[in-house]
Amino acid sequence: MTNIRGFGFLPERTSHCFLVHLPSSSRAEAEVAVTEEFYWSESVQPYGERIDGFAEADLKVLLPRRIWKEIAQEARAEFNRRLIRYGLRSGRWPASGMAPVDRNMGKELVLLAWAVEDADPVLIPNAVRNWLGLSPEERWWLYTMTNAATGQALKGRNKGWRKAVRFALTENPIADSVIRKRNSDFELTLFAGMD
């Protein structure tokens, strides 16, 4: 498993992943794009440079860099905790370029990005805390429901499930004790079948 890329993506196992496209511009309004890739290729082009166009459904979210910075470190830390538990190499977000993300972690990242894309910036820490309080399975379920109805970056923005996810994650932050309990419960279920 030495060919792991980014955050847990192993091209030999699956060609389905999410890509985080980080612009070279450091301007606060430069957009970070997250795309869903069903067919991995070593020659995949960054979001802003694709000559052959882009399937609208594959573009999941666009975030200004200033908002991305509010969630990037917590998402990295959460994913790396889990990767290390599985004995895998940790990942990092490059300053610019592309970072592949395992398809399940990609769903979780997109869910968090949908929650903050139109949120009041003051509420972003609440969204991160509430996202951390959800189990990965809960995040996957919420992603699946939201993606089915409003999963395209621009057409689905601020509608239906996307709007509901924003309110659900930005209001009423959960306590640290709940996050710690959920993490320890996850560790117990993770290792339960390894006896």
N, C-alpha and C. Protein backbone atom coordinates (compact mmCIF):
# COMPACT_ATOMS: atom_id res chain seq x y z
N MET A 1 0.82 -1.20 0.00
CA MET A 1 0.00 0.00 0.00
C MET A 1 0.86 1.25 0.00
N THR A 2 1.91 1.23 -0.73
CA THR A 2 2.82 2.37 -0.77
C THR A 2 2.38 3.42 -1.77
N ASN A 3 1.41 3.10 -2.60
CA ASN A 3 0.98 4.03 -3.64
C ASN A 3 -0.19 4.89 -3.20
N ILE A 4 -0.37 5.07 -1.90
CA ILE A 4 -1.48 5.88 -1.39
C ILE A 4 -1.21 7.33 -1.72
N ARG A 5 -2.24 8.00 -2.22
CA ARG A 5 -2.14 9.41 -2.60
C ARG A 5 -3.02 10.25 -1.69
N GLY A 6 -2.59 11.46 -1.44
CA GLY A 6 -3.40 12.40 -0.68
C GLY A 6 -3.90 11.83 0.62
N PHE A 7 -5.22 11.77 0.75
CA PHE A 7 -5.86 11.28 1.96
C PHE A 7 -6.49 9.92 1.70
N GLY A 8 -5.68 8.87 1.77
CA GLY A 8 -6.17 7.51 1.72
C GLY A 8 -6.60 7.00 0.36
N PHE A 9 -6.29 7.71 -0.71
CA PHE A 9 -6.71 7.25 -2.04
C PHE A 9 -5.69 6.27 -2.59
N LEU A 10 -6.15 5.07 -2.94
CA LEU A 10 -5.30 4.02 -3.48
C LEU A 10 -5.81 3.67 -4.88
N PRO A 11 -5.18 4.21 -5.94
CA PRO A 11 -5.67 3.99 -7.31
C PRO A 11 -5.78 2.52 -7.71
N GLU A 12 -4.96 1.65 -7.12
CA GLU A 12 -5.02 0.23 -7.47
C GLU A 12 -6.30 -0.42 -6.96
N ARG A 13 -6.87 0.14 -5.93
CA ARG A 13 -8.08 -0.43 -5.32
C ARG A 13 -9.35 0.08 -5.97
N THR A 14 -9.36 1.36 -6.33
CA THR A 14 -10.54 1.97 -6.93
C THR A 14 -10.12 3.17 -7.75
N SER A 15 -10.91 3.49 -8.77
CA SER A 15 -10.62 4.69 -9.55
C SER A 15 -11.53 5.83 -9.14
N HIS A 16 -12.36 5.61 -8.12
CA HIS A 16 -13.32 6.60 -7.64
C HIS A 16 -12.71 7.36 -6.46
N CYS A 17 -12.63 8.67 -6.61
CA CYS A 17 -12.11 9.50 -5.52
C CYS A 17 -12.70 10.91 -5.65
N PHE A 18 -12.36 11.75 -4.72
CA PHE A 18 -12.66 13.18 -4.81
C PHE A 18 -11.32 13.89 -4.94
N LEU A 19 -11.33 14.99 -5.67
CA LEU A 19 -10.12 15.81 -5.81
C LEU A 19 -10.39 17.21 -5.27
N VAL A 20 -9.49 17.67 -4.43
CA VAL A 20 -9.54 19.05 -3.96
C VAL A 20 -8.57 19.82 -4.83
N HIS A 21 -9.07 20.82 -5.54
CA HIS A 21 -8.26 21.64 -6.46
C HIS A 21 -7.98 22.97 -5.76
N LEU A 22 -6.73 23.16 -5.37
CA LEU A 22 -6.33 24.39 -4.66
C LEU A 22 -5.66 25.33 -5.65
N PRO A 23 -6.21 26.54 -5.80
CA PRO A 23 -5.67 27.47 -6.80
C PRO A 23 -4.29 27.98 -6.42
N SER A 24 -3.54 28.38 -7.43
CA SER A 24 -2.21 28.94 -7.16
C SER A 24 -2.31 30.34 -6.58
N SER A 25 -3.40 31.02 -6.84
CA SER A 25 -3.59 32.37 -6.30
C SER A 25 -3.87 32.29 -4.81
N SER A 26 -3.24 33.16 -4.04
CA SER A 26 -3.48 33.18 -2.60
C SER A 26 -4.55 34.20 -2.22
N ARG A 27 -5.18 34.81 -3.23
CA ARG A 27 -6.26 35.77 -2.93
C ARG A 27 -7.36 35.08 -2.13
N ALA A 28 -7.94 35.78 -1.19
CA ALA A 28 -8.98 35.21 -0.32
C ALA A 28 -10.18 34.72 -1.12
N GLU A 29 -10.47 35.36 -2.25
CA GLU A 29 -11.64 35.00 -3.05
C GLU A 29 -11.32 33.95 -4.12
N ALA A 30 -10.07 33.55 -4.27
CA ALA A 30 -9.74 32.48 -5.22
C ALA A 30 -10.50 31.24 -4.77
N GLU A 31 -11.04 30.49 -5.73
CA GLU A 31 -11.92 29.39 -5.36
C GLU A 31 -11.22 28.04 -5.31
N VAL A 32 -11.51 27.33 -4.23
CA VAL A 32 -11.10 25.94 -4.07
C VAL A 32 -12.27 25.12 -4.59
N ALA A 33 -12.00 24.20 -5.49
CA ALA A 33 -13.04 23.34 -6.06
C ALA A 33 -12.86 21.92 -5.55
N VAL A 34 -13.98 21.25 -5.33
CA VAL A 34 -13.94 19.82 -5.00
C VAL A 34 -14.75 19.11 -6.08
N THR A 35 -14.11 18.14 -6.72
CA THR A 35 -14.76 17.37 -7.77
C THR A 35 -14.80 15.90 -7.39
N GLU A 36 -15.77 15.22 -7.95
CA GLU A 36 -15.85 13.77 -7.77
C GLU A 36 -15.35 13.14 -9.05
N GLU A 37 -14.36 12.30 -8.93
CA GLU A 37 -13.74 11.65 -10.08
C GLU A 37 -14.08 10.16 -10.07
N PHE A 38 -14.71 9.69 -11.12
CA PHE A 38 -15.08 8.28 -11.19
C PHE A 38 -14.03 7.45 -11.92
N TYR A 39 -13.19 8.12 -12.70
CA TYR A 39 -12.15 7.43 -13.47
C TYR A 39 -10.83 8.14 -13.25
N TRP A 40 -9.99 7.55 -12.42
CA TRP A 40 -8.71 8.15 -12.09
C TRP A 40 -7.75 8.04 -13.26
N SER A 41 -6.98 9.08 -13.48
CA SER A 41 -5.92 9.07 -14.48
C SER A 41 -4.78 9.91 -13.95
N GLU A 42 -3.57 9.47 -14.22
CA GLU A 42 -2.40 10.24 -13.79
C GLU A 42 -2.35 11.61 -14.47
N SER A 43 -3.05 11.74 -15.58
CA SER A 43 -3.02 13.01 -16.32
C SER A 43 -4.24 13.88 -16.06
N VAL A 44 -4.95 13.62 -14.97
CA VAL A 44 -6.11 14.45 -14.65
C VAL A 44 -5.68 15.91 -14.52
N GLN A 45 -6.47 16.79 -15.10
CA GLN A 45 -6.13 18.22 -15.11
C GLN A 45 -6.79 18.95 -13.95
N PRO A 46 -6.15 19.99 -13.42
CA PRO A 46 -6.78 20.79 -12.38
C PRO A 46 -8.08 21.41 -12.89
N TYR A 47 -8.96 21.69 -11.99
CA TYR A 47 -10.29 22.20 -12.31
C TYR A 47 -10.27 23.38 -13.27
N GLY A 48 -9.46 24.37 -13.02
CA GLY A 48 -9.44 25.57 -13.86
C GLY A 48 -8.75 25.42 -15.20
N GLU A 49 -8.08 24.26 -15.43
CA GLU A 49 -7.29 24.09 -16.64
C GLU A 49 -7.80 22.99 -17.57
N ARG A 50 -8.96 22.45 -17.30
CA ARG A 50 -9.47 21.35 -18.12
C ARG A 50 -9.89 21.84 -19.49
N ILE A 51 -9.25 21.31 -20.50
CA ILE A 51 -9.53 21.70 -21.88
C ILE A 51 -10.80 21.03 -22.38
N ASP A 52 -11.01 19.78 -22.00
CA ASP A 52 -12.15 19.02 -22.50
C ASP A 52 -13.45 19.34 -21.78
N GLY A 53 -13.45 20.39 -21.00
CA GLY A 53 -14.67 20.76 -20.28
C GLY A 53 -14.78 19.99 -18.98
N PHE A 54 -15.93 20.11 -18.38
CA PHE A 54 -16.12 19.52 -17.07
C PHE A 54 -17.56 19.11 -16.94
N ALA A 55 -17.81 17.88 -16.55
CA ALA A 55 -19.18 17.43 -16.31
C ALA A 55 -19.71 18.16 -15.09
N GLU A 56 -20.81 18.87 -15.26
CA GLU A 56 -21.36 19.67 -14.17
C GLU A 56 -21.60 18.85 -12.91
N ALA A 57 -22.07 17.63 -13.08
CA ALA A 57 -22.39 16.80 -11.92
C ALA A 57 -21.15 16.45 -11.12
N ASP A 58 -19.98 16.47 -11.73
CA ASP A 58 -18.75 16.11 -11.04
C ASP A 58 -18.22 17.22 -10.14
N LEU A 59 -18.62 18.46 -10.41
CA LEU A 59 -18.22 19.59 -9.59
C LEU A 59 -19.17 19.66 -8.40
N LYS A 60 -18.66 19.38 -7.21
CA LYS A 60 -19.51 19.28 -6.03
C LYS A 60 -19.62 20.58 -5.25
N VAL A 61 -18.54 21.32 -5.17
CA VAL A 61 -18.59 22.55 -4.36
C VAL A 61 -17.44 23.47 -4.76
N LEU A 62 -17.71 24.76 -4.68
CA LEU A 62 -16.70 25.81 -4.85
C LEU A 62 -16.70 26.66 -3.59
N LEU A 63 -15.54 26.83 -3.01
CA LEU A 63 -15.42 27.64 -1.79
C LEU A 63 -14.35 28.70 -1.98
N PRO A 64 -14.63 29.93 -1.57
CA PRO A 64 -13.53 30.91 -1.55
C PRO A 64 -12.43 30.41 -0.61
N ARG A 65 -11.19 30.69 -0.96
CA ARG A 65 -10.05 30.21 -0.17
C ARG A 65 -10.19 30.61 1.31
N ARG A 66 -10.72 31.78 1.58
CA ARG A 66 -10.85 32.24 2.98
C ARG A 66 -11.77 31.30 3.77
N ILE A 67 -12.81 30.75 3.13
CA ILE A 67 -13.69 29.80 3.81
C ILE A 67 -13.01 28.44 3.90
N TRP A 68 -12.33 28.04 2.84
CA TRP A 68 -11.59 26.77 2.85
C TRP A 68 -10.63 26.73 4.03
N LYS A 69 -9.93 27.84 4.28
CA LYS A 69 -8.96 27.89 5.37
C LYS A 69 -9.61 27.64 6.73
N GLU A 70 -10.89 27.96 6.85
CA GLU A 70 -11.61 27.77 8.11
C GLU A 70 -11.89 26.30 8.41
N ILE A 71 -11.93 25.45 7.37
CA ILE A 71 -12.26 24.04 7.58
C ILE A 71 -11.11 23.08 7.26
N ALA A 72 -10.14 23.53 6.53
CA ALA A 72 -9.10 22.64 6.00
C ALA A 72 -8.30 21.92 7.09
N GLN A 73 -7.88 22.63 8.12
CA GLN A 73 -7.02 22.01 9.14
C GLN A 73 -7.78 20.98 9.97
N GLU A 74 -9.04 21.29 10.31
CA GLU A 74 -9.83 20.33 11.10
C GLU A 74 -10.15 19.08 10.28
N ALA A 75 -10.46 19.27 8.98
CA ALA A 75 -10.72 18.12 8.11
C ALA A 75 -9.45 17.27 7.98
N ARG A 76 -8.31 17.91 7.79
CA ARG A 76 -7.03 17.20 7.69
C ARG A 76 -6.78 16.39 8.95
N ALA A 77 -6.97 17.01 10.10
CA ALA A 77 -6.71 16.33 11.38
C ALA A 77 -7.65 15.14 11.56
N GLU A 78 -8.92 15.31 11.24
CA GLU A 78 -9.89 14.21 11.37
C GLU A 78 -9.53 13.06 10.46
N PHE A 79 -9.23 13.35 9.20
CA PHE A 79 -8.89 12.28 8.26
C PHE A 79 -7.58 11.59 8.66
N ASN A 80 -6.61 12.35 9.09
CA ASN A 80 -5.32 11.75 9.47
C ASN A 80 -5.43 10.88 10.71
N ARG A 81 -6.28 11.25 11.66
CA ARG A 81 -6.50 10.39 12.83
C ARG A 81 -6.96 9.01 12.38
N ARG A 82 -7.89 9.00 11.44
CA ARG A 82 -8.42 7.72 10.97
C ARG A 82 -7.43 6.96 10.11
N LEU A 83 -6.71 7.66 9.25
CA LEU A 83 -5.71 6.99 8.41
C LEU A 83 -4.64 6.33 9.27
N ILE A 84 -4.19 7.03 10.28
CA ILE A 84 -3.16 6.50 11.18
C ILE A 84 -3.70 5.28 11.92
N ARG A 85 -4.98 5.33 12.36
CA ARG A 85 -5.59 4.16 13.01
C ARG A 85 -5.57 2.93 12.11
N TYR A 86 -5.73 3.15 10.81
CA TYR A 86 -5.72 2.04 9.86
C TYR A 86 -4.30 1.67 9.43
N GLY A 87 -3.32 2.35 9.98
CA GLY A 87 -1.93 2.05 9.62
C GLY A 87 -1.52 2.63 8.28
N LEU A 88 -2.21 3.67 7.83
CA LEU A 88 -1.91 4.30 6.55
C LEU A 88 -1.19 5.62 6.75
N ARG A 89 -0.52 6.06 5.73
CA ARG A 89 0.22 7.33 5.75
C ARG A 89 -0.77 8.50 5.83
N SER A 90 -0.42 9.51 6.60
CA SER A 90 -1.27 10.70 6.72
C SER A 90 -1.14 11.56 5.46
N GLY A 91 -2.11 12.43 5.27
CA GLY A 91 -2.12 13.30 4.10
C GLY A 91 -1.95 14.76 4.48
N ARG A 92 -1.84 15.59 3.47
CA ARG A 92 -1.74 17.04 3.70
C ARG A 92 -2.36 17.76 2.51
N TRP A 93 -2.80 18.99 2.74
CA TRP A 93 -3.30 19.83 1.66
C TRP A 93 -2.12 20.60 1.09
N PRO A 94 -1.87 20.53 -0.21
CA PRO A 94 -0.78 21.33 -0.78
C PRO A 94 -1.18 22.81 -0.81
N ALA A 95 -0.21 23.68 -0.91
CA ALA A 95 -0.50 25.11 -1.03
C ALA A 95 -1.29 25.39 -2.30
N SER A 96 -0.97 24.67 -3.36
CA SER A 96 -1.72 24.76 -4.61
C SER A 96 -1.60 23.41 -5.31
N GLY A 97 -2.50 23.17 -6.24
CA GLY A 97 -2.49 21.90 -6.95
C GLY A 97 -3.68 21.05 -6.54
N MET A 98 -3.52 19.74 -6.66
CA MET A 98 -4.63 18.82 -6.38
C MET A 98 -4.28 17.84 -5.28
N ALA A 99 -5.29 17.53 -4.47
CA ALA A 99 -5.13 16.53 -3.42
C ALA A 99 -6.25 15.51 -3.56
N PRO A 100 -5.91 14.25 -3.91
CA PRO A 100 -6.93 13.21 -3.97
C PRO A 100 -7.37 12.82 -2.56
N VAL A 101 -8.65 12.49 -2.44
CA VAL A 101 -9.22 12.09 -1.16
C VAL A 101 -10.03 10.82 -1.39
N ASP A 102 -9.82 9.83 -0.53
CA ASP A 102 -10.60 8.60 -0.58
C ASP A 102 -12.09 8.94 -0.75
N ARG A 103 -12.80 8.10 -1.49
CA ARG A 103 -14.19 8.44 -1.83
C ARG A 103 -15.08 8.64 -0.61
N ASN A 104 -14.89 7.88 0.47
CA ASN A 104 -15.73 8.07 1.65
C ASN A 104 -15.36 9.34 2.41
N MET A 105 -14.07 9.58 2.56
CA MET A 105 -13.65 10.83 3.22
C MET A 105 -14.02 12.02 2.35
N GLY A 106 -13.99 11.86 1.04
CA GLY A 106 -14.40 12.93 0.13
C GLY A 106 -15.85 13.30 0.34
N LYS A 107 -16.71 12.32 0.56
CA LYS A 107 -18.12 12.60 0.84
C LYS A 107 -18.24 13.43 2.11
N GLU A 108 -17.46 13.07 3.12
CA GLU A 108 -17.50 13.79 4.38
C GLU A 108 -17.02 15.24 4.21
N LEU A 109 -15.95 15.40 3.44
CA LEU A 109 -15.42 16.75 3.19
C LEU A 109 -16.43 17.61 2.45
N VAL A 110 -17.05 17.05 1.43
CA VAL A 110 -18.04 17.81 0.67
C VAL A 110 -19.22 18.19 1.56
N LEU A 111 -19.65 17.28 2.43
CA LEU A 111 -20.75 17.60 3.35
C LEU A 111 -20.40 18.82 4.19
N LEU A 112 -19.18 18.84 4.74
CA LEU A 112 -18.75 19.99 5.55
C LEU A 112 -18.69 21.25 4.69
N ALA A 113 -18.18 21.14 3.49
CA ALA A 113 -18.10 22.30 2.60
C ALA A 113 -19.49 22.82 2.26
N TRP A 114 -20.44 21.93 2.02
CA TRP A 114 -21.81 22.37 1.75
C TRP A 114 -22.39 23.13 2.94
N ALA A 115 -22.04 22.68 4.15
CA ALA A 115 -22.56 23.33 5.35
C ALA A 115 -22.06 24.76 5.50
N VAL A 116 -20.84 25.03 5.04
CA VAL A 116 -20.26 26.36 5.27
C VAL A 116 -20.28 27.27 4.05
N GLU A 117 -20.62 26.75 2.87
CA GLU A 117 -20.50 27.55 1.65
C GLU A 117 -21.30 28.85 1.69
N ASP A 118 -22.47 28.85 2.29
CA ASP A 118 -23.29 30.06 2.37
C ASP A 118 -23.55 30.49 3.81
N ALA A 119 -22.80 29.93 4.74
CA ALA A 119 -23.01 30.23 6.16
C ALA A 119 -22.35 31.55 6.54
N ASP A 120 -22.88 32.15 7.59
CA ASP A 120 -22.24 33.30 8.20
C ASP A 120 -20.87 32.82 8.70
N PRO A 121 -19.77 33.49 8.33
CA PRO A 121 -18.44 33.04 8.74
C PRO A 121 -18.29 32.82 10.26
N VAL A 122 -19.06 33.56 11.05
CA VAL A 122 -19.00 33.40 12.50
C VAL A 122 -19.48 32.01 12.92
N LEU A 123 -20.33 31.38 12.10
CA LEU A 123 -20.90 30.08 12.44
C LEU A 123 -20.07 28.89 11.94
N ILE A 124 -19.00 29.15 11.20
CA ILE A 124 -18.20 28.05 10.65
C ILE A 124 -17.61 27.16 11.76
N PRO A 125 -17.10 27.71 12.86
CA PRO A 125 -16.62 26.81 13.93
C PRO A 125 -17.71 25.88 14.47
N ASN A 126 -18.96 26.36 14.53
CA ASN A 126 -20.07 25.49 14.94
C ASN A 126 -20.22 24.33 13.97
N ALA A 127 -20.16 24.64 12.67
CA ALA A 127 -20.31 23.60 11.65
C ALA A 127 -19.22 22.55 11.80
N VAL A 128 -18.00 22.98 12.02
CA VAL A 128 -16.89 22.04 12.18
C VAL A 128 -17.11 21.16 13.41
N ARG A 129 -17.51 21.76 14.52
CA ARG A 129 -17.73 20.98 15.75
C ARG A 129 -18.85 19.97 15.55
N ASN A 130 -19.93 20.39 14.95
CA ASN A 130 -21.06 19.47 14.75
C ASN A 130 -20.69 18.37 13.76
N TRP A 131 -19.91 18.70 12.75
CA TRP A 131 -19.43 17.71 11.78
C TRP A 131 -18.54 16.68 12.48
N LEU A 132 -17.65 17.16 13.35
CA LEU A 132 -16.79 16.26 14.12
C LEU A 132 -17.60 15.36 15.04
N GLY A 133 -18.75 15.85 15.50
CA GLY A 133 -19.61 15.07 16.39
C GLY A 133 -20.38 13.97 15.70
N LEU A 134 -20.43 14.00 14.37
CA LEU A 134 -21.11 12.94 13.61
C LEU A 134 -20.15 11.79 13.36
N SER A 135 -20.67 10.59 13.35
CA SER A 135 -19.84 9.45 12.97
C SER A 135 -19.63 9.49 11.46
N PRO A 136 -18.60 8.82 10.95
CA PRO A 136 -18.42 8.79 9.49
C PRO A 136 -19.66 8.25 8.78
N GLU A 137 -20.31 7.25 9.35
CA GLU A 137 -21.50 6.69 8.72
C GLU A 137 -22.64 7.71 8.63
N GLU A 138 -22.78 8.53 9.66
CA GLU A 138 -23.80 9.58 9.63
C GLU A 138 -23.47 10.61 8.56
N ARG A 139 -22.20 10.95 8.44
CA ARG A 139 -21.79 11.90 7.39
C ARG A 139 -22.05 11.31 6.01
N TRP A 140 -21.76 10.03 5.81
CA TRP A 140 -21.99 9.40 4.51
C TRP A 140 -23.47 9.43 4.15
N TRP A 141 -24.33 9.14 5.14
CA TRP A 141 -25.77 9.13 4.90
C TRP A 141 -26.24 10.53 4.51
N LEU A 142 -25.82 11.53 5.29
CA LEU A 142 -26.22 12.91 4.97
C LEU A 142 -25.72 13.32 3.59
N TYR A 143 -24.51 12.94 3.26
CA TYR A 143 -23.99 13.25 1.92
C TYR A 143 -24.86 12.61 0.85
N THR A 144 -25.18 11.34 1.02
CA THR A 144 -25.96 10.61 0.02
C THR A 144 -27.31 11.25 -0.20
N MET A 145 -28.00 11.60 0.87
CA MET A 145 -29.32 12.23 0.75
C MET A 145 -29.21 13.60 0.09
N THR A 146 -28.23 14.38 0.49
CA THR A 146 -28.06 15.72 -0.06
C THR A 146 -27.61 15.66 -1.51
N ASN A 147 -26.68 14.79 -1.82
CA ASN A 147 -26.17 14.67 -3.17
C ASN A 147 -27.26 14.26 -4.15
N ALA A 148 -28.15 13.39 -3.73
CA ALA A 148 -29.22 12.92 -4.61
C ALA A 148 -30.14 14.06 -5.03
N ALA A 149 -30.36 15.00 -4.14
CA ALA A 149 -31.31 16.09 -4.43
C ALA A 149 -30.63 17.35 -4.94
N THR A 150 -29.51 17.71 -4.34
CA THR A 150 -28.89 19.01 -4.64
C THR A 150 -27.37 18.92 -4.66
N GLY A 151 -26.82 17.91 -5.30
CA GLY A 151 -25.40 17.64 -5.22
C GLY A 151 -24.50 18.37 -6.19
N GLN A 152 -25.06 19.13 -7.11
CA GLN A 152 -24.22 19.84 -8.07
C GLN A 152 -23.82 21.19 -7.48
N ALA A 153 -22.58 21.59 -7.70
CA ALA A 153 -22.01 22.77 -7.03
C ALA A 153 -22.86 24.03 -7.17
N LEU A 154 -23.27 24.34 -8.37
CA LEU A 154 -23.96 25.62 -8.57
C LEU A 154 -25.48 25.49 -8.57
N LYS A 155 -26.01 24.49 -9.24
CA LYS A 155 -27.46 24.33 -9.32
C LYS A 155 -28.08 23.95 -7.99
N GLY A 156 -27.34 23.25 -7.15
CA GLY A 156 -27.89 22.80 -5.88
C GLY A 156 -27.65 23.74 -4.72
N ARG A 157 -26.92 24.78 -4.96
CA ARG A 157 -26.50 25.66 -3.88
C ARG A 157 -27.68 26.36 -3.21
N ASN A 158 -27.68 26.33 -1.87
CA ASN A 158 -28.65 27.04 -1.04
C ASN A 158 -30.09 26.57 -1.28
N LYS A 159 -30.26 25.28 -1.59
CA LYS A 159 -31.59 24.73 -1.81
C LYS A 159 -31.77 23.44 -1.01
N GLY A 160 -32.99 23.15 -0.67
CA GLY A 160 -33.37 21.86 -0.11
C GLY A 160 -32.42 21.29 0.93
N TRP A 161 -31.93 20.09 0.65
CA TRP A 161 -31.04 19.41 1.58
C TRP A 161 -29.78 20.21 1.88
N ARG A 162 -29.25 20.92 0.90
CA ARG A 162 -28.03 21.72 1.14
C ARG A 162 -28.31 22.79 2.19
N LYS A 163 -29.45 23.43 2.07
CA LYS A 163 -29.82 24.46 3.04
C LYS A 163 -30.04 23.81 4.41
N ALA A 164 -30.69 22.66 4.43
CA ALA A 164 -30.94 21.96 5.70
C ALA A 164 -29.63 21.54 6.37
N VAL A 165 -28.67 21.06 5.58
CA VAL A 165 -27.37 20.68 6.13
C VAL A 165 -26.69 21.90 6.76
N ARG A 166 -26.79 23.03 6.08
CA ARG A 166 -26.18 24.25 6.63
C ARG A 166 -26.76 24.56 8.00
N PHE A 167 -28.09 24.57 8.12
CA PHE A 167 -28.70 24.88 9.41
C PHE A 167 -28.41 23.80 10.45
N ALA A 168 -28.43 22.55 10.04
CA ALA A 168 -28.18 21.46 10.99
C ALA A 168 -26.77 21.52 11.57
N LEU A 169 -25.80 21.90 10.76
CA LEU A 169 -24.42 21.89 11.24
C LEU A 169 -23.94 23.22 11.79
N THR A 170 -24.59 24.32 11.47
CA THR A 170 -24.09 25.61 11.98
C THR A 170 -24.77 26.05 13.27
N GLU A 171 -25.86 25.40 13.64
CA GLU A 171 -26.55 25.80 14.87
C GLU A 171 -26.32 24.78 15.97
N ASN A 172 -26.38 25.24 17.21
CA ASN A 172 -26.28 24.37 18.38
C ASN A 172 -25.05 23.48 18.39
N PRO A 173 -23.86 24.06 18.58
CA PRO A 173 -22.65 23.23 18.58
C PRO A 173 -22.68 22.23 19.73
N ILE A 174 -22.20 21.03 19.47
CA ILE A 174 -22.19 20.00 20.50
C ILE A 174 -20.98 20.18 21.42
N ALA A 175 -21.06 19.54 22.55
CA ALA A 175 -20.00 19.66 23.56
C ALA A 175 -18.80 18.79 23.20
N ASP A 176 -17.62 19.17 23.72
CA ASP A 176 -16.40 18.39 23.51
C ASP A 176 -16.55 16.96 23.99
N SER A 177 -17.28 16.76 25.09
CA SER A 177 -17.43 15.41 25.64
C SER A 177 -18.16 14.50 24.65
N VAL A 178 -19.09 15.03 23.89
CA VAL A 178 -19.81 14.24 22.89
C VAL A 178 -18.85 13.84 21.77
N ILE A 179 -18.01 14.78 21.34
CA ILE A 179 -17.04 14.48 20.28
C ILE A 179 -16.07 13.39 20.75
N ARG A 180 -15.57 13.52 21.98
CA ARG A 180 -14.64 12.51 22.51
C ARG A 180 -15.32 11.14 22.62
N LYS A 181 -16.58 11.11 23.09
CA LYS A 181 -17.30 9.85 23.21
C LYS A 181 -17.52 9.22 21.84
N ARG A 182 -17.91 10.02 20.86
CA ARG A 182 -18.13 9.48 19.52
C ARG A 182 -16.83 8.91 18.95
N ASN A 183 -15.72 9.61 19.17
CA ASN A 183 -14.43 9.11 18.66
C ASN A 183 -14.05 7.79 19.33
N SER A 184 -14.28 7.66 20.66
CA SER A 184 -13.94 6.41 21.32
C SER A 184 -14.89 5.30 20.91
N ASP A 185 -16.19 5.60 20.69
CA ASP A 185 -17.14 4.60 20.20
C ASP A 185 -16.73 4.13 18.81
N PHE A 186 -16.27 5.06 17.97
CA PHE A 186 -15.83 4.70 16.62
C PHE A 186 -14.63 3.76 16.70
N GLU A 187 -13.71 4.04 17.61
CA GLU A 187 -12.54 3.18 17.75
C GLU A 187 -12.95 1.78 18.20
N LEU A 188 -13.94 1.68 19.10
CA LEU A 188 -14.39 0.38 19.55
C LEU A 188 -15.01 -0.43 18.41
N THR A 189 -15.86 0.23 17.59
CA THR A 189 -16.48 -0.49 16.47
C THR A 189 -15.46 -0.80 15.38
N LEU A 190 -14.48 0.06 15.22
CA LEU A 190 -13.45 -0.16 14.21
C LEU A 190 -12.66 -1.43 14.49
N PHE A 191 -12.35 -1.65 15.77
CA PHE A 191 -11.51 -2.78 16.13
C PHE A 191 -12.30 -3.99 16.63
N ALA A 192 -13.62 -3.91 16.70
CA ALA A 192 -14.44 -5.00 17.23
C ALA A 192 -14.29 -6.28 16.40
N GLY A 193 -14.18 -6.16 15.11
CA GLY A 193 -14.10 -7.34 14.26
C GLY A 193 -12.69 -7.88 14.09
N MET A 194 -11.71 -7.34 14.79
CA MET A 194 -10.33 -7.74 14.60
C MET A 194 -9.86 -8.76 15.63
N ASP A 195 -10.76 -9.25 16.48
CA ASP A 195 -10.37 -10.23 17.50
C ASP A 195 -10.00 -11.57 16.90
